[in-house]
Amino acid sequence: SLQDPNFSEVAETVRATLTGDSSTASRNLFGSLLSLHNRPFLAELWPDVQQVPMDMADASGPDRLSSAQCARRLDIFLDKVSLDASTPTRHLLDPNFSGVFDKQQRELREALLLFEAELASRPDARAAAGFEAVSALLRGLGLP
């Protein structure tokens, strides 16, 4: 909760750590706030925290979603974030991770890169109907 004094203390510590000086922290965003409803006043209270409301409608407007509807959207959003963050293979073809692979992962990575290079040299294979699915799979494994 933004009203919790412990939250404020932790937020101030994070600001100071990221910026080196808590008095200059408001120049840059340092976090995100997932909220059920759009609360523009929070931008004034927390200018360095990006608000991500589940309901963009004006609080007093007729299009405002109920808290239950917003909570459901938040659940779905967090499920998607968890799914994306927990993919255990997204690093395989990412060159930023090449130094941390064990022998088996290096072998798999090398085989996949050879496969990708072979595909790149075959225009007819790239024109095939299933190529987009294969390309998406390789990107999902971290290929830039």
Protein backbone atom coordinates (compact mmCIF):
# COMPACT_ATOMS: atom_id res chain seq x y z
CA SER A 1 0.00 0.00 0.00
CA LEU A 2 1.25 3.47 -0.83
CA GLN A 3 0.01 4.61 2.58
CA ASP A 4 2.25 2.16 4.43
CA PRO A 5 5.20 4.01 6.05
CA ASN A 6 7.41 0.97 5.42
CA PHE A 7 6.67 1.24 1.70
CA SER A 8 7.68 4.90 1.74
CA GLU A 9 10.91 4.07 3.53
CA VAL A 10 11.78 1.28 1.10
CA ALA A 11 10.88 3.49 -1.88
CA GLU A 12 13.16 6.24 -0.57
CA THR A 13 16.00 3.74 -0.14
CA VAL A 14 15.53 2.46 -3.71
CA ARG A 15 15.47 6.03 -5.05
CA ALA A 16 18.70 6.88 -3.26
CA THR A 17 20.34 3.66 -4.45
CA LEU A 18 19.36 4.13 -8.09
CA THR A 19 20.16 7.82 -8.31
CA GLY A 20 22.85 8.21 -5.71
CA ASP A 21 20.79 11.03 -4.23
CA SER A 22 17.14 10.80 -3.17
CA SER A 23 16.60 14.54 -3.79
CA THR A 24 17.13 14.11 -7.57
CA ALA A 25 15.06 10.94 -7.91
CA SER A 26 11.96 12.62 -9.33
CA ARG A 27 13.75 13.28 -12.63
CA ASN A 28 13.59 9.61 -13.65
CA LEU A 29 11.04 6.86 -13.27
CA PHE A 30 12.21 4.17 -10.92
CA GLY A 31 9.19 1.92 -10.59
CA SER A 32 5.69 1.06 -11.65
CA LEU A 33 2.45 1.01 -9.69
CA LEU A 34 -0.23 -1.43 -10.79
CA SER A 35 -3.55 0.00 -9.69
CA LEU A 36 -7.15 -1.02 -10.21
CA HIS A 37 -8.42 2.43 -11.16
CA ASN A 38 -6.96 5.51 -12.78
CA ARG A 39 -5.81 7.86 -10.01
CA PRO A 40 -4.19 10.93 -11.56
CA PHE A 41 -3.39 12.45 -8.16
CA LEU A 42 -0.84 9.68 -7.58
CA ALA A 43 1.35 11.20 -10.28
CA GLU A 44 1.65 14.29 -8.11
CA LEU A 45 2.41 12.29 -4.97
CA TRP A 46 4.80 9.88 -6.69
CA PRO A 47 6.17 11.61 -9.81
CA ASP A 48 8.90 9.01 -10.28
CA VAL A 49 6.53 6.03 -10.23
CA GLN A 50 4.67 5.15 -13.42
CA GLN A 51 1.04 4.30 -12.74
CA VAL A 52 -0.46 1.43 -14.75
CA PRO A 53 -4.20 1.36 -14.04
CA MET A 54 -6.38 -1.53 -15.11
CA ASP A 55 -9.17 0.98 -15.83
CA MET A 56 -8.27 4.12 -17.76
CA ALA A 57 -11.74 5.68 -17.44
CA ASP A 58 -12.30 8.77 -15.34
CA ALA A 59 -13.21 7.78 -11.78
CA SER A 60 -16.56 9.54 -12.00
CA GLY A 61 -17.31 8.62 -15.61
CA PRO A 62 -20.04 6.26 -16.78
CA ASP A 63 -17.51 3.91 -18.44
CA ARG A 64 -15.72 3.18 -15.17
CA LEU A 65 -15.14 -0.52 -14.54
CA SER A 66 -16.02 -2.11 -11.23
CA SER A 67 -13.25 -3.03 -8.81
CA ALA A 68 -14.01 -6.71 -9.48
CA GLN A 69 -13.55 -6.21 -13.23
CA CYS A 70 -10.29 -4.35 -12.65
CA ALA A 71 -9.06 -7.01 -10.24
CA ARG A 72 -9.75 -9.66 -12.89
CA ARG A 73 -7.74 -7.65 -15.44
CA LEU A 74 -4.91 -7.33 -12.95
CA ASP A 75 -4.96 -11.10 -12.32
CA ILE A 76 -4.74 -11.79 -16.05
CA PHE A 77 -1.96 -9.23 -16.49
CA LEU A 78 0.10 -10.69 -13.63
CA ASP A 79 -0.44 -14.22 -14.94
CA LYS A 80 0.94 -13.12 -18.32
CA VAL A 81 3.93 -11.38 -16.70
CA SER A 82 4.65 -14.53 -14.68
CA LEU A 83 4.41 -16.71 -17.77
CA ASP A 84 6.77 -14.51 -19.75
CA ALA A 85 9.24 -14.19 -16.89
CA SER A 86 9.36 -17.92 -16.18
CA THR A 87 10.19 -19.18 -19.65
CA PRO A 88 13.27 -21.30 -18.93
CA THR A 89 14.56 -21.37 -22.50
CA ARG A 90 14.36 -17.75 -23.60
CA HIS A 91 18.10 -17.35 -23.00
CA LEU A 92 19.35 -20.19 -25.21
CA LEU A 93 20.02 -18.12 -28.34
CA ASP A 94 20.51 -14.76 -26.63
CA PRO A 95 24.15 -13.77 -27.16
CA ASN A 96 24.18 -11.96 -23.81
CA PHE A 97 24.03 -15.33 -22.03
CA SER A 98 26.62 -17.21 -24.09
CA GLY A 99 29.17 -17.22 -21.28
CA VAL A 100 26.97 -18.97 -18.72
CA PHE A 101 26.02 -22.19 -20.52
CA ASP A 102 27.08 -25.63 -19.36
CA LYS A 103 28.37 -28.16 -21.92
CA GLN A 104 24.92 -29.51 -22.81
CA GLN A 105 23.42 -26.05 -23.27
CA ARG A 106 26.38 -25.01 -25.46
CA GLU A 107 25.85 -28.07 -27.64
CA LEU A 108 22.13 -27.34 -28.00
CA ARG A 109 22.82 -23.65 -28.69
CA GLU A 110 25.40 -24.47 -31.37
CA ALA A 111 23.02 -26.95 -33.06
CA LEU A 112 20.20 -24.40 -33.07
CA LEU A 113 22.48 -21.69 -34.48
CA LEU A 114 23.64 -24.07 -37.25
CA PHE A 115 20.00 -24.85 -37.99
CA GLU A 116 19.17 -21.13 -38.16
CA ALA A 117 22.15 -20.46 -40.45
CA GLU A 118 21.08 -23.33 -42.71
CA LEU A 119 17.56 -21.87 -42.92
CA ALA A 120 18.99 -18.45 -43.71
CA SER A 121 20.85 -19.90 -46.70
CA ARG A 122 17.74 -21.56 -48.16
CA PRO A 123 15.27 -19.07 -49.68
CA ASP A 124 12.75 -21.80 -50.55
CA ALA A 125 12.69 -22.98 -46.93
CA ARG A 126 12.12 -19.40 -45.74
CA ALA A 127 9.22 -19.08 -48.19
CA ALA A 128 7.50 -22.22 -46.87
CA ALA A 129 4.21 -21.88 -45.01
CA GLY A 130 5.63 -23.18 -41.73
CA PHE A 131 8.66 -20.90 -41.69
CA GLU A 132 6.96 -18.20 -39.59
CA ALA A 133 6.25 -20.74 -36.84
CA VAL A 134 9.89 -21.89 -36.88
CA SER A 135 11.10 -18.28 -36.89
CA ALA A 136 8.83 -17.46 -33.92
CA LEU A 137 10.20 -20.47 -32.07
CA LEU A 138 13.79 -19.32 -32.62
CA ARG A 139 12.93 -15.79 -31.47
CA GLY A 140 11.25 -17.32 -28.42
CA LEU A 141 14.55 -19.04 -27.65
CA GLY A 142 16.30 -15.66 -27.65
CA LEU A 143 17.46 -15.26 -31.24
CA PRO A 144 17.85 -11.52 -31.88
